[in-house]
Amino acid sequence: MSKRKSMYGIDIEEGSGNVYADLGLRDPDVMLMKAQLVMKIDEIIKRRGLTQTQAGQLLGLSQPKVSALLKGNFRGISERHLMDCLTRLGRDVQVVVKPAPRHRHTGKLSVVFA
């Protein structure tokens, strides 16, 4: 993150693009990926006009678990389970593994919605 000063004299810290990393949380890339998957699940549920109970039946989750998930409490749910939820909601999920660019020594996780 880099700091810059606004014209009003207030220090502003520019984020890295991953709020979980900026907050110093454990596994920030995984948390960001889960958040992106949950946002898509939420979008589909809303677009279909499903109740949390209906969504839970479709996803194989209890209504309280759907409620927690949509409020951002997804630490106990695996990425695989979230991808399964998307397939149950009629989405194809594709995992692509490719070489990292030469300027990076490690790979990164990302989610792309088509």
C-alpha atoms as a PDB file:
ATOM      1  CA  MET A   1       0.000   0.000   0.000  1.00  0.00           C
ATOM      2  CA  SER A   2       1.174   3.511  -0.670  1.00  0.00           C
ATOM      3  CA  LYS A   3       0.263   6.684   1.187  1.00  0.00           C
ATOM      4  CA  ARG A   4      -0.698   9.963  -0.381  1.00  0.00           C
ATOM      5  CA  LYS A   5      -2.119  13.153   1.016  1.00  0.00           C
ATOM      6  CA  SER A   6      -5.406  14.635  -0.094  1.00  0.00           C
ATOM      7  CA  MET A   7      -5.807  18.324  -0.816  1.00  0.00           C
ATOM      8  CA  TYR A   8      -7.679  18.660   2.485  1.00  0.00           C
ATOM      9  CA  GLY A   9      -4.662  17.582   4.529  1.00  0.00           C
ATOM     10  CA  ILE A  10      -6.082  14.152   5.369  1.00  0.00           C
ATOM     11  CA  ASP A  11      -3.794  11.148   4.977  1.00  0.00           C
ATOM     12  CA  ILE A  12      -5.263   8.570   2.662  1.00  0.00           C
ATOM     13  CA  GLU A  13      -3.821   5.113   2.330  1.00  0.00           C
ATOM     14  CA  GLU A  14      -4.393   3.469  -1.014  1.00  0.00           C
ATOM     15  CA  GLY A  15      -5.450  -0.152  -0.703  1.00  0.00           C
ATOM     16  CA  SER A  16      -3.855  -3.135  -2.384  1.00  0.00           C
ATOM     17  CA  GLY A  17      -7.116  -4.272  -3.952  1.00  0.00           C
ATOM     18  CA  ASN A  18      -7.557  -6.965  -1.306  1.00  0.00           C
ATOM     19  CA  VAL A  19      -9.171  -5.643   1.872  1.00  0.00           C
ATOM     20  CA  TYR A  20      -8.346  -8.873   3.707  1.00  0.00           C
ATOM     21  CA  ALA A  21      -4.627  -8.375   3.015  1.00  0.00           C
ATOM     22  CA  ASP A  22      -4.874  -4.694   3.954  1.00  0.00           C
ATOM     23  CA  LEU A  23      -6.395  -5.704   7.295  1.00  0.00           C
ATOM     24  CA  GLY A  24      -3.639  -8.274   7.871  1.00  0.00           C
ATOM     25  CA  LEU A  25      -6.010 -11.232   7.989  1.00  0.00           C
ATOM     26  CA  ARG A  26      -4.856 -14.797   7.485  1.00  0.00           C
ATOM     27  CA  ASP A  27      -5.240 -16.269   3.965  1.00  0.00           C
ATOM     28  CA  PRO A  28      -6.278 -12.997   2.319  1.00  0.00           C
ATOM     29  CA  ASP A  29      -6.303 -14.376  -1.241  1.00  0.00           C
ATOM     30  CA  VAL A  30      -8.586 -17.244  -0.248  1.00  0.00           C
ATOM     31  CA  MET A  31     -10.871 -14.909   1.688  1.00  0.00           C
ATOM     32  CA  LEU A  32     -11.144 -12.543  -1.281  1.00  0.00           C
ATOM     33  CA  MET A  33     -11.930 -15.415  -3.630  1.00  0.00           C
ATOM     34  CA  LYS A  34     -14.634 -16.706  -1.273  1.00  0.00           C
ATOM     35  CA  ALA A  35     -16.112 -13.213  -0.969  1.00  0.00           C
ATOM     36  CA  GLN A  36     -16.299 -12.907  -4.751  1.00  0.00           C
ATOM     37  CA  LEU A  37     -17.994 -16.313  -5.059  1.00  0.00           C
ATOM     38  CA  VAL A  38     -20.485 -15.413  -2.316  1.00  0.00           C
ATOM     39  CA  MET A  39     -21.270 -12.093  -4.017  1.00  0.00           C
ATOM     40  CA  LYS A  40     -22.147 -13.979  -7.205  1.00  0.00           C
ATOM     41  CA  ILE A  41     -24.274 -16.492  -5.250  1.00  0.00           C
ATOM     42  CA  ASP A  42     -26.098 -13.587  -3.586  1.00  0.00           C
ATOM     43  CA  GLU A  43     -26.632 -11.872  -6.938  1.00  0.00           C
ATOM     44  CA  ILE A  44     -28.172 -15.015  -8.459  1.00  0.00           C
ATOM     45  CA  ILE A  45     -30.404 -15.636  -5.433  1.00  0.00           C
ATOM     46  CA  LYS A  46     -31.695 -12.053  -5.578  1.00  0.00           C
ATOM     47  CA  ARG A  47     -32.175 -12.123  -9.347  1.00  0.00           C
ATOM     48  CA  ARG A  48     -34.259 -15.297  -9.008  1.00  0.00           C
ATOM     49  CA  GLY A  49     -36.260 -13.833  -6.136  1.00  0.00           C
ATOM     50  CA  LEU A  50     -35.504 -16.790  -3.874  1.00  0.00           C
ATOM     51  CA  THR A  51     -36.049 -16.693  -0.143  1.00  0.00           C
ATOM     52  CA  GLN A  52     -33.185 -17.861   2.047  1.00  0.00           C
ATOM     53  CA  THR A  53     -35.165 -21.031   2.779  1.00  0.00           C
ATOM     54  CA  GLN A  54     -35.667 -21.724  -0.933  1.00  0.00           C
ATOM     55  CA  ALA A  55     -32.017 -20.977  -1.636  1.00  0.00           C
ATOM     56  CA  GLY A  56     -30.976 -23.269   1.190  1.00  0.00           C
ATOM     57  CA  GLN A  57     -33.033 -26.141  -0.202  1.00  0.00           C
ATOM     58  CA  LEU A  58     -31.475 -25.624  -3.626  1.00  0.00           C
ATOM     59  CA  LEU A  59     -27.940 -25.309  -2.239  1.00  0.00           C
ATOM     60  CA  GLY A  60     -28.175 -28.047   0.367  1.00  0.00           C
ATOM     61  CA  LEU A  61     -27.737 -25.584   3.236  1.00  0.00           C
ATOM     62  CA  SER A  62     -29.930 -24.645   6.166  1.00  0.00           C
ATOM     63  CA  GLN A  63     -31.590 -21.214   6.123  1.00  0.00           C
ATOM     64  CA  PRO A  64     -29.364 -19.995   9.010  1.00  0.00           C
ATOM     65  CA  LYS A  65     -26.273 -21.112   7.061  1.00  0.00           C
ATOM     66  CA  VAL A  66     -27.508 -19.229   3.952  1.00  0.00           C
ATOM     67  CA  SER A  67     -28.146 -16.157   6.103  1.00  0.00           C
ATOM     68  CA  ALA A  68     -24.646 -16.316   7.605  1.00  0.00           C
ATOM     69  CA  LEU A  69     -23.101 -16.879   4.184  1.00  0.00           C
ATOM     70  CA  LEU A  70     -24.844 -13.868   2.654  1.00  0.00           C
ATOM     71  CA  LYS A  71     -23.748 -11.708   5.598  1.00  0.00           C
ATOM     72  CA  GLY A  72     -20.119 -12.559   4.838  1.00  0.00           C
ATOM     73  CA  ASN A  73     -19.600 -15.306   7.405  1.00  0.00           C
ATOM     74  CA  PHE A  74     -18.049 -17.873   5.072  1.00  0.00           C
ATOM     75  CA  ARG A  75     -14.840 -18.853   6.845  1.00  0.00           C
ATOM     76  CA  GLY A  76     -16.175 -22.354   7.603  1.00  0.00           C
ATOM     77  CA  ILE A  77     -17.277 -23.034   4.024  1.00  0.00           C
ATOM     78  CA  SER A  78     -14.776 -24.367   1.518  1.00  0.00           C
ATOM     79  CA  GLU A  79     -14.133 -22.858  -1.873  1.00  0.00           C
ATOM     80  CA  ARG A  80     -15.269 -26.164  -3.364  1.00  0.00           C
ATOM     81  CA  HIS A  81     -18.612 -25.921  -1.569  1.00  0.00           C
ATOM     82  CA  LEU A  82     -19.125 -22.385  -2.868  1.00  0.00           C
ATOM     83  CA  MET A  83     -18.366 -23.562  -6.406  1.00  0.00           C
ATOM     84  CA  ASP A  84     -20.878 -26.404  -5.912  1.00  0.00           C
ATOM     85  CA  CYS A  85     -23.458 -23.791  -4.870  1.00  0.00           C
ATOM     86  CA  LEU A  86     -22.841 -21.936  -8.120  1.00  0.00           C
ATOM     87  CA  THR A  87     -23.321 -25.090 -10.186  1.00  0.00           C
ATOM     88  CA  ARG A  88     -26.574 -25.783  -8.324  1.00  0.00           C
ATOM     89  CA  LEU A  89     -27.624 -22.261  -9.293  1.00  0.00           C
ATOM     90  CA  GLY A  90     -27.082 -23.117 -12.957  1.00  0.00           C
ATOM     91  CA  ARG A  91     -23.588 -21.762 -13.477  1.00  0.00           C
ATOM     92  CA  ASP A  92     -20.649 -23.520 -15.084  1.00  0.00           C
ATOM     93  CA  VAL A  93     -17.495 -23.159 -13.011  1.00  0.00           C
ATOM     94  CA  GLN A  94     -14.150 -23.494 -14.740  1.00  0.00           C
ATOM     95  CA  VAL A  95     -10.782 -23.579 -12.949  1.00  0.00           C
ATOM     96  CA  VAL A  96      -7.862 -22.463 -15.096  1.00  0.00           C
ATOM     97  CA  VAL A  97      -4.262 -23.031 -14.058  1.00  0.00           C
ATOM     98  CA  LYS A  98      -1.617 -21.131 -16.013  1.00  0.00           C
ATOM     99  CA  PRO A  99       1.973 -20.011 -15.516  1.00  0.00           C
ATOM    100  CA  ALA A 100       2.522 -16.802 -13.565  1.00  0.00           C
ATOM    101  CA  PRO A 101       4.148 -13.919 -15.451  1.00  0.00           C
ATOM    102  CA  ARG A 102       7.936 -13.841 -15.258  1.00  0.00           C
ATOM    103  CA  HIS A 103       7.945 -10.725 -13.067  1.00  0.00           C
ATOM    104  CA  ARG A 104       6.168 -12.660 -10.270  1.00  0.00           C
ATOM    105  CA  HIS A 105       7.804 -15.561  -8.464  1.00  0.00           C
ATOM    106  CA  THR A 106       4.545 -16.931  -7.099  1.00  0.00           C
ATOM    107  CA  GLY A 107       1.111 -17.434  -8.549  1.00  0.00           C
ATOM    108  CA  LYS A 108      -2.073 -15.738  -7.414  1.00  0.00           C
ATOM    109  CA  LEU A 109      -5.716 -16.648  -6.990  1.00  0.00           C
ATOM    110  CA  SER A 110      -8.363 -14.755  -8.885  1.00  0.00           C
ATOM    111  CA  VAL A 111     -12.007 -15.091  -9.835  1.00  0.00           C
ATOM    112  CA  VAL A 112     -13.265 -14.002 -13.251  1.00  0.00           C
ATOM    113  CA  PHE A 113     -16.976 -13.975 -14.065  1.00  0.00           C
ATOM    114  CA  ALA A 114     -17.973 -14.322 -17.718  1.00  0.00           C
END
